[in-house]
Amino acid sequence: MTVYRHQVSGFFENPAEGRGAVSALLERRIPRERMQLLADGSATAGADRRDRRRATMASDAVANGHVVLLVETRTPEETAIVRGVMQGAVANIREADLAFPSPAAAGLAAIDRPAPAR
């Protein structure tokens, strides 16, 4: 059985735009625990080669004052929803059919992290 895991990354000018996209995705029932809004990037230490390339792109964006919203989707329908919301929020979008990178491995700090599930 093939597991569908897709990542859509949106690059926003400021945190308010990124948070607006998060709110819109929540309204469309995309689980918060599969979204990460990142800022204050640093090194890519600890990332594997595949993650390092994406982490470098995200780090460059946040180093220039932008925020990055990473969303893991599990169905083609979710991917379409996320893509539509990000396009509507005027984000620059990147997609990958790869494993979802760990922000910690990418050297990025989450600025809007969900509360741990209990």
Protein backbone atom coordinates (compact mmCIF):
# COMPACT_ATOMS: atom_id res chain seq x y z
CA MET A 1 0.00 0.00 0.00
CA THR A 2 1.34 3.41 -0.95
CA VAL A 3 1.18 6.10 1.71
CA TYR A 4 0.39 9.60 0.45
CA ARG A 5 2.52 12.25 2.15
CA HIS A 6 2.89 15.59 0.48
CA GLN A 7 4.31 18.86 1.72
CA VAL A 8 3.14 22.28 0.65
CA SER A 9 5.32 25.20 1.73
CA GLY A 10 4.08 28.78 1.60
CA PHE A 11 6.40 31.77 1.87
CA PHE A 12 4.76 34.87 3.35
CA GLU A 13 5.89 38.46 3.70
CA ASN A 14 4.98 38.66 7.39
CA PRO A 15 3.65 36.56 10.30
CA ALA A 16 0.12 38.00 10.01
CA GLU A 17 -0.26 36.62 6.48
CA GLY A 18 1.03 33.22 7.57
CA ARG A 19 -1.31 33.13 10.57
CA GLY A 20 -4.20 34.10 8.31
CA ALA A 21 -3.43 31.09 6.11
CA VAL A 22 -3.30 28.85 9.22
CA SER A 23 -6.75 30.13 10.27
CA ALA A 24 -8.17 29.51 6.79
CA LEU A 25 -6.76 25.97 6.77
CA LEU A 26 -8.22 25.26 10.20
CA GLU A 27 -11.62 26.37 8.91
CA ARG A 28 -11.20 23.82 6.12
CA ARG A 29 -10.42 21.08 8.67
CA ILE A 30 -6.71 20.70 8.02
CA PRO A 31 -5.31 19.48 11.38
CA ARG A 32 -3.19 22.07 13.19
CA GLU A 33 -0.62 19.48 14.21
CA ARG A 34 0.34 19.11 10.53
CA MET A 35 1.06 22.84 10.13
CA GLN A 36 4.17 24.70 11.18
CA LEU A 37 4.68 28.44 10.82
CA LEU A 38 8.41 29.13 10.93
CA ALA A 39 10.61 32.17 11.51
CA ASP A 40 14.03 33.11 12.84
CA GLY A 41 15.90 30.57 10.73
CA SER A 42 19.45 29.55 11.36
CA ALA A 43 21.66 26.67 10.30
CA THR A 44 20.53 23.47 8.66
CA ALA A 45 22.60 21.26 10.96
CA GLY A 46 21.19 17.80 11.43
CA ALA A 47 19.09 17.78 8.28
CA ASP A 48 19.69 15.02 5.76
CA ARG A 49 20.53 15.94 2.16
CA ARG A 50 16.91 16.02 0.98
CA ASP A 51 15.75 18.05 3.98
CA ARG A 52 18.79 20.34 3.83
CA ARG A 53 17.82 21.65 0.38
CA ARG A 54 14.30 22.53 1.58
CA ALA A 55 15.60 23.78 4.92
CA THR A 56 18.05 26.08 3.16
CA MET A 57 15.21 27.57 1.11
CA ALA A 58 13.14 28.13 4.27
CA SER A 59 16.14 29.48 6.21
CA ASP A 60 16.92 31.94 3.43
CA ALA A 61 13.32 33.15 3.42
CA VAL A 62 13.11 33.70 7.16
CA ALA A 63 16.58 35.26 7.24
CA ASN A 64 15.14 37.87 4.88
CA GLY A 65 12.20 38.63 7.17
CA HIS A 66 9.64 36.23 5.71
CA VAL A 67 7.78 33.40 7.39
CA VAL A 68 7.28 29.90 6.02
CA LEU A 69 4.20 27.77 6.52
CA LEU A 70 4.82 24.03 6.11
CA VAL A 71 1.76 21.84 5.76
CA GLU A 72 1.78 18.07 5.51
CA THR A 73 -1.11 16.70 3.50
CA ARG A 74 -2.26 13.10 3.44
CA THR A 75 -4.63 13.08 0.46
CA PRO A 76 -4.68 14.75 -2.96
CA GLU A 77 -7.81 16.60 -1.80
CA GLU A 78 -5.98 18.10 1.19
CA THR A 79 -3.14 19.13 -1.10
CA ALA A 80 -5.59 20.96 -3.35
CA ILE A 81 -7.20 22.70 -0.35
CA VAL A 82 -3.84 23.83 1.05
CA ARG A 83 -2.60 24.98 -2.36
CA GLY A 84 -5.79 26.99 -2.89
CA VAL A 85 -5.61 28.67 0.52
CA MET A 86 -1.96 29.59 0.08
CA GLN A 87 -2.54 30.95 -3.41
CA GLY A 88 -5.44 32.99 -2.04
CA ALA A 89 -3.16 34.35 0.67
CA VAL A 90 -0.67 35.45 -1.99
CA ALA A 91 2.08 33.13 -0.82
CA ASN A 92 4.93 31.87 -2.93
CA ILE A 93 4.34 28.11 -2.91
CA ARG A 94 6.72 25.13 -3.06
CA GLU A 95 5.66 21.50 -3.03
CA ALA A 96 7.39 18.20 -2.47
CA ASP A 97 6.37 14.55 -2.50
CA LEU A 98 8.89 13.83 0.24
CA ALA A 99 8.86 13.12 3.94
CA PHE A 100 7.85 16.10 6.05
CA PRO A 101 11.03 17.78 7.35
CA SER A 102 11.56 18.40 11.02
CA PRO A 103 11.88 22.15 11.73
CA ALA A 104 14.36 21.36 14.50
CA ALA A 105 16.50 19.39 12.05
CA ALA A 106 16.22 22.32 9.67
CA GLY A 107 17.43 24.76 12.33
CA LEU A 108 14.17 26.71 12.34
CA ALA A 109 12.10 27.88 15.28
CA ALA A 110 8.32 27.59 15.19
CA ILE A 111 6.62 30.89 15.90
CA ASP A 112 3.13 29.46 16.14
CA ARG A 113 3.34 25.92 17.55
CA PRO A 114 0.20 23.98 18.53
CA ALA A 115 -0.22 22.90 22.11
CA PRO A 116 0.84 19.29 22.74
CA ALA A 117 -1.99 16.77 22.55
CA ARG A 118 -3.01 15.24 25.87
